[in-house]
Protein backbone atom coordinates (compact mmCIF):
# COMPACT_ATOMS: atom_id res chain seq x y z
CA MET A 1 26.20 -154.46 -57.20
CA GLN A 2 24.53 -157.69 -58.33
CA PHE A 3 26.15 -159.29 -61.34
CA GLU A 4 24.18 -161.35 -63.83
CA ASN A 5 27.06 -163.82 -64.13
CA LYS A 6 29.61 -165.16 -61.70
CA ILE A 7 33.21 -166.37 -62.13
CA ALA A 8 34.11 -169.29 -59.90
CA VAL A 9 37.34 -171.11 -59.30
CA VAL A 10 37.34 -174.50 -57.50
CA LEU A 11 40.67 -175.76 -56.15
CA ARG A 12 41.43 -179.17 -54.63
CA ASP A 13 42.08 -178.69 -50.95
CA ASP A 14 45.26 -180.71 -50.74
CA LEU A 15 47.44 -178.48 -52.98
CA ALA A 16 50.39 -176.50 -51.67
CA VAL A 17 49.94 -172.73 -51.52
CA TRP A 18 52.22 -172.22 -54.47
CA GLN A 19 50.16 -174.72 -56.44
CA LYS A 20 46.90 -172.97 -55.57
CA THR A 21 48.09 -169.60 -56.73
CA ASN A 22 49.59 -171.03 -59.85
CA VAL A 23 46.52 -173.03 -60.74
CA THR A 24 44.23 -170.11 -60.07
CA ALA A 25 46.27 -167.79 -62.38
CA PHE A 26 46.19 -170.32 -65.23
CA LEU A 27 42.50 -171.11 -64.90
CA VAL A 28 41.25 -167.53 -64.89
CA SER A 29 43.38 -166.75 -67.94
CA GLY A 30 41.02 -169.17 -69.78
CA ILE A 31 38.04 -167.09 -68.87
CA ALA A 32 39.70 -163.71 -69.67
CA GLY A 33 40.89 -165.16 -73.02
CA THR A 34 37.54 -166.37 -74.24
CA ASP A 35 35.04 -163.76 -73.05
CA PRO A 36 35.79 -160.13 -73.96
CA GLU A 37 32.86 -158.88 -71.89
CA VAL A 38 34.48 -160.01 -68.63
CA VAL A 39 37.39 -157.73 -68.90
CA GLY A 40 37.06 -153.96 -68.31
CA GLU A 41 38.97 -151.01 -69.54
CA PRO A 42 42.61 -150.33 -68.77
CA TYR A 43 43.40 -148.56 -65.51
CA ARG A 44 45.10 -145.14 -65.40
CA ASP A 45 46.58 -143.38 -62.40
CA ALA A 46 46.58 -139.68 -61.74
CA SER A 47 50.02 -139.38 -63.38
CA GLY A 48 48.65 -140.73 -66.61
CA LYS A 49 50.39 -144.14 -66.46
CA ALA A 50 48.35 -146.92 -67.96
CA TYR A 51 47.80 -150.36 -66.48
CA LEU A 52 46.31 -153.57 -67.77
CA PRO A 53 42.59 -154.12 -67.53
CA MET A 54 41.07 -156.70 -65.07
CA PHE A 55 37.96 -158.54 -64.62
CA VAL A 56 34.87 -156.38 -64.18
CA GLN A 57 33.42 -158.64 -61.50
CA PRO A 58 34.75 -160.55 -58.46
CA VAL A 59 36.25 -164.05 -58.77
CA LEU A 60 34.90 -166.42 -56.15
CA VAL A 61 37.39 -169.05 -55.06
CA TYR A 62 36.21 -172.33 -53.49
CA GLU A 63 38.05 -175.31 -52.19
CA ALA A 64 37.01 -178.95 -52.36
CA ASP A 65 38.29 -182.42 -51.86
CA ALA A 66 38.86 -184.52 -54.98
CA ALA A 67 35.32 -186.02 -54.99
CA ALA A 68 33.60 -182.67 -54.57
CA LEU A 69 35.83 -181.10 -57.28
CA ARG A 70 34.83 -183.92 -59.60
CA ARG A 71 31.14 -183.34 -58.77
CA ALA A 72 31.48 -179.62 -59.52
CA TYR A 73 33.14 -180.52 -62.84
CA GLU A 74 30.33 -182.96 -63.69
CA ARG A 75 27.67 -180.44 -62.68
CA ALA A 76 29.33 -177.83 -64.96
CA MET A 77 29.44 -180.23 -68.00
CA THR A 78 25.87 -181.42 -67.64
CA ARG A 79 24.72 -177.78 -67.56
CA GLY A 80 26.63 -176.93 -70.78
CA VAL A 81 29.25 -174.85 -68.91
CA THR A 82 32.69 -175.28 -70.32
CA PRO A 83 35.33 -175.00 -67.61
CA ALA A 84 39.01 -174.24 -67.76
CA ILE A 85 40.70 -177.25 -66.25
CA TYR A 86 44.07 -177.91 -64.54
CA THR A 87 45.16 -181.47 -63.96
CA ALA A 88 47.93 -182.81 -61.63
CA GLU A 89 49.99 -183.76 -64.75
CA LEU A 90 50.32 -180.07 -65.69
CA PHE A 91 52.63 -179.50 -62.71
CA THR A 92 55.19 -181.64 -64.55
CA THR A 93 54.96 -180.11 -68.09
CA GLY A 94 57.08 -177.22 -69.27
CA HIS A 95 55.00 -175.40 -71.90
CA ASP A 96 51.55 -174.89 -73.40
CA GLU A 97 51.84 -177.57 -76.10
CA ALA A 98 52.95 -180.15 -73.48
CA ASN A 99 49.99 -179.09 -71.29
CA ARG A 100 47.49 -179.69 -74.02
CA ALA A 101 49.08 -183.05 -74.90
CA ALA A 102 48.96 -184.10 -71.27
CA VAL A 103 45.20 -183.47 -71.14
CA ALA A 104 44.54 -184.89 -74.63
CA CYS A 105 45.75 -188.40 -73.73
CA VAL A 106 43.42 -188.85 -70.73
CA PRO A 107 39.64 -189.53 -71.00
CA ALA A 108 37.39 -187.04 -69.25
CA GLU A 109 36.40 -189.46 -66.57
CA ASP A 110 40.07 -190.15 -65.70
CA LEU A 111 41.30 -186.53 -65.56
CA ASP A 112 43.12 -185.98 -62.27
CA LEU A 113 41.52 -182.57 -61.66
CA VAL A 114 43.24 -180.18 -59.22
CA GLY A 115 41.21 -177.08 -60.25
CA ILE A 116 38.47 -175.73 -62.57
CA ALA A 117 37.21 -172.31 -63.37
CA PHE A 118 34.13 -171.08 -65.22
CA ARG A 119 31.83 -168.22 -65.73
CA ALA A 120 28.12 -168.64 -66.07
CA GLU A 121 24.76 -167.23 -65.05
CA ARG A 122 24.62 -166.65 -61.27
CA LYS A 123 22.05 -169.41 -60.54
CA THR A 124 23.88 -171.91 -62.64
CA VAL A 125 27.10 -171.20 -60.79
CA ASP A 126 25.31 -171.52 -57.48
CA LYS A 127 24.10 -174.99 -58.52
CA ILE A 128 27.58 -176.06 -59.68
CA VAL A 129 29.30 -174.99 -56.48
CA ASP A 130 26.49 -176.02 -54.08
CA ARG A 131 27.88 -177.26 -50.75
CA LEU A 132 31.40 -176.09 -51.48
CA ARG A 133 33.14 -173.78 -49.06
CA PHE A 134 34.92 -170.59 -49.93
CA HIS A 135 38.69 -170.83 -49.88
CA PRO A 136 40.00 -169.48 -46.54
């Protein structure tokens, strides 16, 4: 099935495995929390037990060095695509308010990005992630 939009996550390639999984989880929550069309109906098994809904489309995960991640961020911003961001400072904060404060005190050009996620039209996503490789 061909989707009109894509969800993409771009992770910095020098993160530890636990950091990559943590960052991915936080980033995609921003997409799920702001776009009701991206989440489907709850799941139900044959016994009648209900489970939480999930994305209706695949999430493509890429990796990049710091420069390529910054380039993807800039490409998203210039195309009017608002990403979820995760910065290195967020590994040291302990709660949501502290996370927002850590981002708020740094100008956009100085953010130490370790990951971004976004959802946009397929062709736009392709341009943003051009030359990035899928996460192995």
